[in-house]
Amino acid sequence: MRKLLSGISFLLLFVLISCNQSNQPGNSDSRGFDTTAFIQLGDSITVAVQQVLLSNVMLATKAGGAGHAVAFCNERAMALTDSLALKYNCRIQRISDKYRNPANKPGEKEAALLKKLGSLNAASPLIFNEDSALIYYKPIRVAMPACLSCHGAAGKDILPGTLEVIRQQYPGDLATGYKEGDFRGLWKITFTKE
């Protein structure tokens, strides 16, 4: 039974990704949505969010080290993301199967998408046209060595003091053990149709 469900899940994901091929840049879907425009908008939003988060994390790190940056992320990252979501009139999320914040835990469909895109080493964004929303997904990678001070290997990249702060702030943390360039998760931007 488990193999059958796994096979059905894989087939469903394959169909979703295959159907999505018509939603790649330069195309319109069957309902007339310009997918190129939404991919460009999603790209610009993810760049803006990454810049805001990264600059704030770097300032927090400079002010008090990686442990201070972890505390900053715990207290401020979601608020910064939410403020940018208001600015761009969308919902902005980060999802990962190895999440730090439980709010970033994927749903069943997203878990399958994470697994598939991670195994494909995908780099391009995808957009799905659902009944009430357009949903943009873009892979997140561990982009630079500085990321490893909070997301790398415990005892090697992550200092003991930082690891202690991570464990205090995020008791169920799964977001360590990465190497530079690893697939870390997905940006998910939801544009509600009006």
N, C-alpha and C. Protein backbone atom coordinates (compact mmCIF):
# COMPACT_ATOMS: atom_id res chain seq x y z
N MET A 1 0.82 -1.19 0.00
CA MET A 1 0.00 0.00 0.00
C MET A 1 0.87 1.26 0.00
N ARG A 2 1.93 1.23 0.82
CA ARG A 2 2.82 2.39 0.90
C ARG A 2 3.51 2.66 -0.44
N LYS A 3 3.95 1.58 -1.12
CA LYS A 3 4.58 1.74 -2.42
C LYS A 3 3.59 2.30 -3.44
N LEU A 4 2.34 1.83 -3.37
CA LEU A 4 1.32 2.32 -4.28
C LEU A 4 1.09 3.82 -4.07
N LEU A 5 0.96 4.25 -2.80
CA LEU A 5 0.77 5.67 -2.51
C LEU A 5 1.97 6.49 -2.95
N SER A 6 3.17 5.96 -2.72
CA SER A 6 4.39 6.66 -3.14
C SER A 6 4.41 6.80 -4.66
N GLY A 7 4.03 5.73 -5.36
CA GLY A 7 3.99 5.76 -6.82
C GLY A 7 2.97 6.75 -7.33
N ILE A 8 1.80 6.79 -6.69
CA ILE A 8 0.76 7.74 -7.09
C ILE A 8 1.22 9.16 -6.83
N SER A 9 1.86 9.40 -5.68
CA SER A 9 2.37 10.74 -5.36
C SER A 9 3.39 11.19 -6.39
N PHE A 10 4.31 10.29 -6.76
CA PHE A 10 5.33 10.63 -7.76
C PHE A 10 4.68 10.93 -9.10
N LEU A 11 3.69 10.11 -9.49
CA LEU A 11 3.01 10.31 -10.75
C LEU A 11 2.28 11.65 -10.76
N LEU A 12 1.61 11.98 -9.65
CA LEU A 12 0.90 13.25 -9.54
C LEU A 12 1.88 14.41 -9.66
N LEU A 13 3.02 14.34 -8.98
CA LEU A 13 4.02 15.39 -9.06
C LEU A 13 4.56 15.52 -10.48
N PHE A 14 4.80 14.38 -11.14
CA PHE A 14 5.29 14.39 -12.51
C PHE A 14 4.29 15.08 -13.43
N VAL A 15 3.01 14.77 -13.25
CA VAL A 15 1.97 15.39 -14.06
C VAL A 15 1.92 16.90 -13.80
N LEU A 16 2.01 17.29 -12.52
CA LEU A 16 2.01 18.72 -12.19
C LEU A 16 3.17 19.45 -12.85
N ILE A 17 4.35 18.87 -12.76
CA ILE A 17 5.53 19.50 -13.35
C ILE A 17 5.43 19.50 -14.87
N SER A 18 4.96 18.39 -15.45
CA SER A 18 4.80 18.32 -16.90
C SER A 18 3.79 19.34 -17.39
N CYS A 19 2.66 19.44 -16.69
CA CYS A 19 1.64 20.42 -17.06
C CYS A 19 2.18 21.83 -16.91
N ASN A 20 3.08 22.01 -15.98
CA ASN A 20 3.62 23.33 -15.72
C ASN A 20 4.57 23.79 -16.82
N GLN A 21 5.00 22.89 -17.68
CA GLN A 21 5.92 23.29 -18.73
C GLN A 21 5.33 24.38 -19.60
N SER A 22 4.01 24.39 -19.76
CA SER A 22 3.38 25.46 -20.53
C SER A 22 3.36 26.77 -19.76
N ASN A 23 3.71 26.73 -18.49
CA ASN A 23 3.71 27.93 -17.67
C ASN A 23 5.11 28.49 -17.48
N GLN A 24 6.02 28.17 -18.35
CA GLN A 24 7.37 28.67 -18.25
C GLN A 24 7.47 30.04 -18.91
N PRO A 25 8.58 30.76 -18.68
CA PRO A 25 8.72 32.11 -19.20
C PRO A 25 8.39 32.20 -20.69
N GLY A 26 7.70 33.29 -21.04
CA GLY A 26 7.35 33.53 -22.43
C GLY A 26 6.00 32.97 -22.81
N ASN A 27 5.28 32.41 -21.87
CA ASN A 27 4.01 31.78 -22.18
C ASN A 27 2.88 32.41 -21.40
N SER A 28 1.68 32.15 -21.89
CA SER A 28 0.47 32.45 -21.15
C SER A 28 -0.22 31.13 -20.91
N ASP A 29 -0.92 31.01 -19.79
CA ASP A 29 -1.64 29.77 -19.54
C ASP A 29 -2.99 29.83 -20.23
N SER A 30 -3.77 28.75 -20.07
CA SER A 30 -5.05 28.65 -20.78
C SER A 30 -6.05 29.70 -20.33
N ARG A 31 -5.84 30.33 -19.18
CA ARG A 31 -6.76 31.37 -18.70
C ARG A 31 -6.23 32.77 -19.02
N GLY A 32 -5.15 32.84 -19.80
CA GLY A 32 -4.65 34.13 -20.24
C GLY A 32 -3.71 34.85 -19.30
N PHE A 33 -3.22 34.19 -18.24
CA PHE A 33 -2.28 34.85 -17.34
C PHE A 33 -0.90 34.85 -17.97
N ASP A 34 -0.27 36.00 -17.93
CA ASP A 34 1.08 36.14 -18.48
C ASP A 34 2.06 35.59 -17.46
N THR A 35 2.47 34.35 -17.66
CA THR A 35 3.36 33.71 -16.69
C THR A 35 4.73 34.36 -16.65
N THR A 36 5.16 34.92 -17.78
CA THR A 36 6.45 35.61 -17.81
C THR A 36 6.45 36.77 -16.82
N ALA A 37 5.39 37.54 -16.81
CA ALA A 37 5.30 38.68 -15.90
C ALA A 37 5.33 38.22 -14.45
N PHE A 38 4.62 37.13 -14.13
CA PHE A 38 4.59 36.66 -12.75
C PHE A 38 5.93 36.05 -12.33
N ILE A 39 6.62 35.41 -13.24
CA ILE A 39 7.96 34.89 -12.90
C ILE A 39 8.92 36.05 -12.67
N GLN A 40 8.86 37.08 -13.52
CA GLN A 40 9.70 38.25 -13.31
C GLN A 40 9.38 38.95 -12.00
N LEU A 41 8.10 39.06 -11.69
CA LEU A 41 7.69 39.67 -10.42
C LEU A 41 8.18 38.82 -9.24
N GLY A 42 8.00 37.51 -9.32
CA GLY A 42 8.48 36.62 -8.27
C GLY A 42 9.99 36.72 -8.10
N ASP A 43 10.71 36.78 -9.22
CA ASP A 43 12.17 36.93 -9.15
C ASP A 43 12.56 38.23 -8.45
N SER A 44 11.89 39.32 -8.81
CA SER A 44 12.25 40.61 -8.20
C SER A 44 11.89 40.63 -6.71
N ILE A 45 10.78 39.99 -6.33
CA ILE A 45 10.41 39.95 -4.92
C ILE A 45 11.40 39.12 -4.12
N THR A 46 11.79 37.95 -4.65
CA THR A 46 12.74 37.12 -3.91
C THR A 46 14.09 37.81 -3.77
N VAL A 47 14.51 38.52 -4.79
CA VAL A 47 15.77 39.27 -4.68
C VAL A 47 15.65 40.33 -3.60
N ALA A 48 14.54 41.06 -3.58
CA ALA A 48 14.35 42.11 -2.57
C ALA A 48 14.31 41.52 -1.17
N VAL A 49 13.59 40.43 -0.99
CA VAL A 49 13.48 39.80 0.34
C VAL A 49 14.84 39.28 0.78
N GLN A 50 15.56 38.62 -0.12
CA GLN A 50 16.88 38.11 0.23
C GLN A 50 17.82 39.24 0.63
N GLN A 51 17.77 40.35 -0.11
CA GLN A 51 18.65 41.48 0.22
C GLN A 51 18.33 42.05 1.60
N VAL A 52 17.04 42.21 1.90
CA VAL A 52 16.64 42.75 3.19
C VAL A 52 17.06 41.80 4.31
N LEU A 53 16.73 40.52 4.16
CA LEU A 53 17.08 39.55 5.21
C LEU A 53 18.59 39.43 5.38
N LEU A 54 19.31 39.31 4.26
CA LEU A 54 20.75 39.14 4.34
C LEU A 54 21.44 40.35 4.94
N SER A 55 21.03 41.55 4.54
CA SER A 55 21.69 42.74 5.10
C SER A 55 21.42 42.85 6.60
N ASN A 56 20.21 42.50 7.04
CA ASN A 56 19.90 42.54 8.47
C ASN A 56 20.63 41.45 9.24
N VAL A 57 20.76 40.27 8.66
CA VAL A 57 21.50 39.18 9.31
C VAL A 57 22.98 39.56 9.41
N MET A 58 23.53 40.16 8.37
CA MET A 58 24.93 40.57 8.40
C MET A 58 25.17 41.64 9.46
N LEU A 59 24.24 42.59 9.59
CA LEU A 59 24.36 43.62 10.64
C LEU A 59 24.28 42.98 12.02
N ALA A 60 23.36 42.03 12.20
CA ALA A 60 23.23 41.35 13.50
C ALA A 60 24.49 40.54 13.80
N THR A 61 25.05 39.90 12.80
CA THR A 61 26.28 39.12 12.98
C THR A 61 27.43 40.05 13.37
N LYS A 62 27.52 41.17 12.68
CA LYS A 62 28.58 42.13 12.97
C LYS A 62 28.43 42.68 14.40
N ALA A 63 27.19 42.88 14.83
CA ALA A 63 26.93 43.45 16.16
C ALA A 63 27.20 42.46 17.29
N GLY A 64 26.97 41.16 17.04
CA GLY A 64 27.11 40.23 18.16
C GLY A 64 27.44 38.80 17.80
N GLY A 65 27.86 38.55 16.57
CA GLY A 65 28.22 37.21 16.16
C GLY A 65 27.03 36.41 15.63
N ALA A 66 27.32 35.18 15.22
CA ALA A 66 26.29 34.33 14.61
C ALA A 66 25.15 34.04 15.58
N GLY A 67 25.45 33.88 16.86
CA GLY A 67 24.39 33.63 17.84
C GLY A 67 23.41 34.79 17.92
N HIS A 68 23.92 35.99 17.81
CA HIS A 68 23.07 37.18 17.80
C HIS A 68 22.20 37.20 16.54
N ALA A 69 22.77 36.76 15.41
CA ALA A 69 22.02 36.70 14.16
C ALA A 69 20.88 35.68 14.26
N VAL A 70 21.11 34.56 14.93
CA VAL A 70 20.06 33.56 15.13
C VAL A 70 18.92 34.17 15.93
N ALA A 71 19.24 34.87 17.00
CA ALA A 71 18.22 35.51 17.82
C ALA A 71 17.46 36.55 17.00
N PHE A 72 18.19 37.31 16.18
CA PHE A 72 17.54 38.29 15.30
C PHE A 72 16.55 37.60 14.37
N CYS A 73 16.97 36.52 13.73
CA CYS A 73 16.09 35.80 12.80
C CYS A 73 14.83 35.32 13.51
N ASN A 74 15.01 34.82 14.73
CA ASN A 74 13.88 34.32 15.49
C ASN A 74 12.87 35.43 15.78
N GLU A 75 13.37 36.62 16.05
CA GLU A 75 12.50 37.72 16.46
C GLU A 75 12.02 38.59 15.30
N ARG A 76 12.81 38.72 14.24
CA ARG A 76 12.51 39.74 13.24
C ARG A 76 12.33 39.26 11.80
N ALA A 77 12.83 38.10 11.43
CA ALA A 77 12.80 37.69 10.02
C ALA A 77 11.38 37.60 9.47
N MET A 78 10.47 36.99 10.23
CA MET A 78 9.09 36.86 9.75
C MET A 78 8.43 38.23 9.61
N ALA A 79 8.70 39.14 10.54
CA ALA A 79 8.11 40.49 10.46
C ALA A 79 8.61 41.23 9.23
N LEU A 80 9.91 41.10 8.93
CA LEU A 80 10.45 41.73 7.72
C LEU A 80 9.82 41.14 6.47
N THR A 81 9.71 39.83 6.43
CA THR A 81 9.09 39.16 5.28
C THR A 81 7.64 39.59 5.13
N ASP A 82 6.92 39.65 6.24
CA ASP A 82 5.51 40.06 6.19
C ASP A 82 5.36 41.50 5.70
N SER A 83 6.27 42.38 6.09
CA SER A 83 6.17 43.78 5.65
C SER A 83 6.41 43.88 4.14
N LEU A 84 7.32 43.06 3.63
CA LEU A 84 7.55 43.05 2.18
C LEU A 84 6.36 42.42 1.44
N ALA A 85 5.72 41.44 2.05
CA ALA A 85 4.53 40.84 1.44
C ALA A 85 3.42 41.89 1.30
N LEU A 86 3.28 42.74 2.31
CA LEU A 86 2.29 43.83 2.23
C LEU A 86 2.65 44.79 1.09
N LYS A 87 3.91 45.11 1.00
CA LYS A 87 4.37 46.03 -0.04
C LYS A 87 4.07 45.49 -1.44
N TYR A 88 4.28 44.18 -1.64
CA TYR A 88 4.11 43.57 -2.96
C TYR A 88 2.74 42.91 -3.14
N ASN A 89 1.87 42.99 -2.14
CA ASN A 89 0.52 42.43 -2.21
C ASN A 89 0.54 40.94 -2.56
N CYS A 90 1.26 40.18 -1.76
CA CYS A 90 1.37 38.74 -1.96
C CYS A 90 1.67 38.09 -0.61
N ARG A 91 1.78 36.80 -0.60
CA ARG A 91 2.21 36.07 0.59
C ARG A 91 3.59 35.50 0.30
N ILE A 92 4.55 35.76 1.16
CA ILE A 92 5.93 35.30 0.96
C ILE A 92 6.27 34.28 2.04
N GLN A 93 6.75 33.13 1.60
CA GLN A 93 7.15 32.08 2.54
C GLN A 93 8.46 31.44 2.07
N ARG A 94 9.14 30.86 3.04
CA ARG A 94 10.26 29.96 2.74
C ARG A 94 9.82 28.60 3.25
N ILE A 95 9.99 27.59 2.44
CA ILE A 95 9.64 26.24 2.88
C ILE A 95 10.85 25.33 2.71
N SER A 96 10.96 24.38 3.62
CA SER A 96 12.08 23.46 3.57
C SER A 96 11.71 22.18 4.31
N ASP A 97 12.24 21.07 3.84
CA ASP A 97 12.03 19.82 4.58
C ASP A 97 12.97 19.76 5.78
N LYS A 98 14.00 20.60 5.77
CA LYS A 98 14.89 20.74 6.91
C LYS A 98 14.73 22.16 7.45
N TYR A 99 13.57 22.41 8.01
CA TYR A 99 13.22 23.75 8.46
C TYR A 99 13.79 24.03 9.86
N ARG A 100 13.98 25.28 10.12
CA ARG A 100 14.38 25.75 11.45
C ARG A 100 13.13 26.26 12.17
N ASN A 101 12.38 27.08 11.50
CA ASN A 101 11.14 27.61 12.06
C ASN A 101 9.99 26.70 11.61
N PRO A 102 9.20 26.18 12.53
CA PRO A 102 8.09 25.30 12.15
C PRO A 102 7.11 25.95 11.16
N ALA A 103 7.08 27.27 11.08
CA ALA A 103 6.22 27.95 10.10
C ALA A 103 6.66 27.66 8.66
N ASN A 104 7.90 27.18 8.49
CA ASN A 104 8.43 26.88 7.16
C ASN A 104 8.29 25.40 6.78
N LYS A 105 7.57 24.65 7.61
CA LYS A 105 7.35 23.24 7.33
C LYS A 105 6.45 23.10 6.10
N PRO A 106 6.85 22.26 5.14
CA PRO A 106 6.04 22.13 3.93
C PRO A 106 4.79 21.28 4.16
N GLY A 107 3.78 21.57 3.35
CA GLY A 107 2.61 20.70 3.29
C GLY A 107 2.97 19.45 2.47
N GLU A 108 2.03 18.56 2.33
CA GLU A 108 2.28 17.29 1.63
C GLU A 108 2.70 17.52 0.17
N LYS A 109 1.97 18.37 -0.55
CA LYS A 109 2.29 18.67 -1.95
C LYS A 109 3.67 19.32 -2.05
N GLU A 110 3.95 20.26 -1.14
CA GLU A 110 5.23 20.96 -1.17
C GLU A 110 6.39 20.05 -0.80
N ALA A 111 6.16 19.10 0.10
CA ALA A 111 7.21 18.14 0.46
C ALA A 111 7.62 17.33 -0.76
N ALA A 112 6.64 16.91 -1.55
CA ALA A 112 6.94 16.16 -2.78
C ALA A 112 7.68 17.03 -3.78
N LEU A 113 7.26 18.30 -3.88
CA LEU A 113 7.93 19.23 -4.79
C LEU A 113 9.37 19.49 -4.34
N LEU A 114 9.59 19.67 -3.04
CA LEU A 114 10.95 19.84 -2.51
C LEU A 114 11.83 18.65 -2.85
N LYS A 115 11.30 17.47 -2.64
CA LYS A 115 12.07 16.25 -2.90
C LYS A 115 12.43 16.15 -4.38
N LYS A 116 11.46 16.42 -5.24
CA LYS A 116 11.69 16.32 -6.69
C LYS A 116 12.69 17.38 -7.15
N LEU A 117 12.49 18.62 -6.76
CA LEU A 117 13.39 19.69 -7.21
C LEU A 117 14.79 19.53 -6.62
N GLY A 118 14.88 19.06 -5.40
CA GLY A 118 16.19 18.81 -4.80
C GLY A 118 16.95 17.73 -5.53
N SER A 119 16.25 16.68 -5.94
CA SER A 119 16.93 15.58 -6.66
C SER A 119 17.31 15.98 -8.08
N LEU A 120 16.57 16.93 -8.65
CA LEU A 120 16.88 17.40 -10.01
C LEU A 120 17.94 18.49 -10.03
N ASN A 121 18.30 18.99 -8.84
CA ASN A 121 19.23 20.11 -8.73
C ASN A 121 18.70 21.31 -9.52
N ALA A 122 17.39 21.52 -9.44
CA ALA A 122 16.71 22.56 -10.20
C ALA A 122 17.17 23.95 -9.78
N ALA A 123 17.18 24.88 -10.72
CA ALA A 123 17.56 26.25 -10.44
C ALA A 123 16.49 27.25 -10.88
N SER A 124 15.68 26.88 -11.84
CA SER A 124 14.69 27.79 -12.40
C SER A 124 13.42 27.84 -11.56
N PRO A 125 12.78 29.00 -11.53
CA PRO A 125 11.51 29.10 -10.82
C PRO A 125 10.40 28.39 -11.58
N LEU A 126 9.37 28.02 -10.85
CA LEU A 126 8.17 27.42 -11.41
C LEU A 126 6.99 28.27 -10.99
N ILE A 127 5.95 28.26 -11.80
CA ILE A 127 4.72 28.93 -11.41
C ILE A 127 3.56 28.00 -11.68
N PHE A 128 2.68 27.88 -10.69
CA PHE A 128 1.50 27.04 -10.79
C PHE A 128 0.27 27.93 -10.76
N ASN A 129 -0.63 27.67 -11.68
CA ASN A 129 -1.88 28.42 -11.76
C ASN A 129 -2.96 27.59 -11.09
N GLU A 130 -3.34 27.99 -9.90
CA GLU A 130 -4.40 27.29 -9.18
C GLU A 130 -5.67 28.12 -9.27
N ASP A 131 -6.77 27.57 -8.81
CA ASP A 131 -8.06 28.24 -8.95
C ASP A 131 -8.08 29.65 -8.39
N SER A 132 -7.55 29.82 -7.19
CA SER A 132 -7.65 31.13 -6.55
C SER A 132 -6.32 31.89 -6.48
N ALA A 133 -5.23 31.30 -6.98
CA ALA A 133 -3.93 31.96 -6.84
C ALA A 133 -2.93 31.47 -7.88
N LEU A 134 -1.95 32.31 -8.13
CA LEU A 134 -0.76 31.92 -8.87
C LEU A 134 0.32 31.73 -7.81
N ILE A 135 1.02 30.59 -7.87
CA ILE A 135 2.03 30.30 -6.86
C ILE A 135 3.38 30.13 -7.55
N TYR A 136 4.32 30.93 -7.10
CA TYR A 136 5.69 30.97 -7.62
C TYR A 136 6.59 30.23 -6.64
N TYR A 137 7.42 29.34 -7.16
CA TYR A 137 8.41 28.63 -6.34
C TYR A 137 9.79 28.85 -6.96
N LYS A 138 10.75 29.14 -6.10
CA LYS A 138 12.13 29.32 -6.57
C LYS A 138 13.07 28.62 -5.60
N PRO A 139 13.98 27.80 -6.11
CA PRO A 139 14.92 27.11 -5.22
C PRO A 139 15.79 28.08 -4.42
N ILE A 140 16.06 27.69 -3.18
CA ILE A 140 16.98 28.42 -2.30
C ILE A 140 18.20 27.53 -2.11
N ARG A 141 19.36 28.10 -2.29
CA ARG A 141 20.62 27.37 -2.09
C ARG A 141 21.43 28.06 -1.00
N VAL A 142 22.29 27.29 -0.37
CA VAL A 142 23.24 27.86 0.59
C VAL A 142 24.26 28.59 -0.26
N ALA A 143 24.16 29.91 -0.27
CA ALA A 143 24.84 30.71 -1.27
C ALA A 143 26.27 31.11 -0.95
N MET A 144 26.60 31.18 0.34
CA MET A 144 27.93 31.69 0.68
C MET A 144 28.44 31.05 1.97
N PRO A 145 29.74 31.06 2.17
CA PRO A 145 30.30 30.45 3.38
C PRO A 145 29.73 31.01 4.69
N ALA A 146 29.35 32.29 4.71
CA ALA A 146 28.80 32.89 5.93
C ALA A 146 27.53 32.17 6.38
N CYS A 147 26.76 31.61 5.44
CA CYS A 147 25.52 30.90 5.78
C CYS A 147 25.81 29.67 6.66
N LEU A 148 27.00 29.10 6.49
CA LEU A 148 27.35 27.88 7.20
C LEU A 148 27.55 28.10 8.69
N SER A 149 27.77 29.36 9.10
CA SER A 149 27.96 29.61 10.53
C SER A 149 26.68 29.36 11.32
N CYS A 150 25.55 29.26 10.64
CA CYS A 150 24.27 28.92 11.29
C CYS A 150 23.63 27.66 10.69
N HIS A 151 24.02 27.31 9.46
CA HIS A 151 23.38 26.19 8.77
C HIS A 151 24.34 25.07 8.38
N GLY A 152 25.61 25.20 8.73
CA GLY A 152 26.59 24.19 8.38
C GLY A 152 26.63 23.03 9.37
N ALA A 153 27.78 22.41 9.47
CA ALA A 153 27.96 21.25 10.36
C ALA A 153 28.26 21.72 11.78
N ALA A 154 27.52 21.15 12.72
CA ALA A 154 27.74 21.45 14.14
C ALA A 154 29.16 21.01 14.54
N GLY A 155 29.85 21.88 15.25
CA GLY A 155 31.20 21.56 15.68
C GLY A 155 32.27 21.86 14.64
N LYS A 156 31.88 22.03 13.40
CA LYS A 156 32.83 22.36 12.34
C LYS A 156 32.60 23.79 11.87
N ASP A 157 31.39 24.05 11.36
CA ASP A 157 31.04 25.39 10.87
C ASP A 157 30.33 26.21 11.94
N ILE A 158 29.52 25.56 12.75
CA ILE A 158 28.71 26.25 13.76
C ILE A 158 29.43 26.19 15.10
N LEU A 159 29.75 27.36 15.65
CA LEU A 159 30.44 27.41 16.94
C LEU A 159 29.51 26.94 18.06
N PRO A 160 30.07 26.38 19.13
CA PRO A 160 29.23 25.86 20.23
C PRO A 160 28.24 26.88 20.79
N GLY A 161 28.66 28.14 20.95
CA GLY A 161 27.76 29.17 21.47
C GLY A 161 26.58 29.43 20.54
N THR A 162 26.87 29.43 19.25
CA THR A 162 25.81 29.63 18.26
C THR A 162 24.86 28.44 18.26
N LEU A 163 25.42 27.24 18.36
CA LEU A 163 24.58 26.04 18.40
C LEU A 163 23.66 26.05 19.62
N GLU A 164 24.17 26.54 20.72
CA GLU A 164 23.34 26.64 21.92
C GLU A 164 22.17 27.61 21.72
N VAL A 165 22.45 28.75 21.08
CA VAL A 165 21.37 29.72 20.80
C VAL A 165 20.35 29.10 19.85
N ILE A 166 20.82 28.39 18.83
CA ILE A 166 19.90 27.72 17.89
C ILE A 166 18.99 26.76 18.66
N ARG A 167 19.58 25.97 19.53
CA ARG A 167 18.79 24.98 20.29
C ARG A 167 17.80 25.66 21.24
N GLN A 168 18.17 26.81 21.78
CA GLN A 168 17.25 27.55 22.67
C GLN A 168 16.11 28.18 21.88
N GLN A 169 16.46 28.83 20.78
CA GLN A 169 15.46 29.55 19.99
C GLN A 169 14.58 28.62 19.14
N TYR A 170 15.17 27.52 18.69
CA TYR A 170 14.48 26.58 17.79
C TYR A 170 14.70 25.15 18.28
N PRO A 171 13.98 24.71 19.29
CA PRO A 171 14.22 23.39 19.88
C PRO A 171 14.11 22.22 18.90
N GLY A 172 13.30 22.35 17.88
CA GLY A 172 13.14 21.26 16.89
C GLY A 172 13.91 21.50 15.61
N ASP A 173 14.99 22.29 15.67
CA ASP A 173 15.74 22.68 14.48
C ASP A 173 16.20 21.49 13.64
N LEU A 174 15.99 21.61 12.33
CA LEU A 174 16.47 20.60 11.36
C LEU A 174 17.41 21.23 10.34
N ALA A 175 17.69 22.53 10.44
CA ALA A 175 18.33 23.29 9.37
C ALA A 175 19.84 23.38 9.48
N THR A 176 20.50 22.30 9.84
CA THR A 176 21.96 22.29 9.89
C THR A 176 22.47 21.14 9.03
N GLY A 177 23.78 21.09 8.88
CA GLY A 177 24.41 20.02 8.11
C GLY A 177 24.57 20.32 6.63
N TYR A 178 24.35 21.56 6.25
CA TYR A 178 24.48 21.95 4.84
C TYR A 178 25.92 22.28 4.49
N LYS A 179 26.19 22.21 3.18
CA LYS A 179 27.45 22.67 2.61
C LYS A 179 27.12 23.77 1.61
N GLU A 180 28.09 24.59 1.30
CA GLU A 180 27.87 25.66 0.34
C GLU A 180 27.37 25.07 -0.98
N GLY A 181 26.32 25.69 -1.54
CA GLY A 181 25.73 25.23 -2.80
C GLY A 181 24.59 24.25 -2.64
N ASP A 182 24.39 23.70 -1.43
CA ASP A 182 23.31 22.73 -1.21
C ASP A 182 21.94 23.36 -1.43
N PHE A 183 21.02 22.53 -1.90
CA PHE A 183 19.62 22.91 -2.01
C PHE A 183 19.07 23.03 -0.59
N ARG A 184 18.51 24.19 -0.25
CA ARG A 184 18.08 24.48 1.12
C ARG A 184 16.57 24.49 1.27
N GLY A 185 15.86 24.78 0.18
CA GLY A 185 14.40 24.85 0.24
C GLY A 185 13.87 25.66 -0.92
N LEU A 186 12.68 26.23 -0.73
CA LEU A 186 12.03 26.99 -1.79
C LEU A 186 11.45 28.29 -1.25
N TRP A 187 11.56 29.32 -2.07
CA TRP A 187 10.75 30.50 -1.86
C TRP A 187 9.38 30.16 -2.41
N LYS A 188 8.35 30.55 -1.71
CA LYS A 188 6.98 30.36 -2.19
C LYS A 188 6.29 31.72 -2.11
N ILE A 189 5.86 32.21 -3.25
CA ILE A 189 5.16 33.48 -3.29
C ILE A 189 3.79 33.23 -3.89
N THR A 190 2.76 33.60 -3.15
CA THR A 190 1.39 33.38 -3.57
C THR A 190 0.77 34.71 -3.95
N PHE A 191 0.32 34.77 -5.20
CA PHE A 191 -0.41 35.93 -5.71
C PHE A 191 -1.88 35.54 -5.78
N THR A 192 -2.71 36.15 -4.97
CA THR A 192 -4.13 35.83 -4.96
C THR A 192 -4.81 36.48 -6.17
N LYS A 193 -5.62 35.70 -6.86
CA LYS A 193 -6.38 36.24 -7.98
C LYS A 193 -7.56 37.04 -7.44
N GLU A 194 -7.82 38.15 -8.07
CA GLU A 194 -8.92 39.00 -7.59
C GLU A 194 -10.04 39.06 -8.57
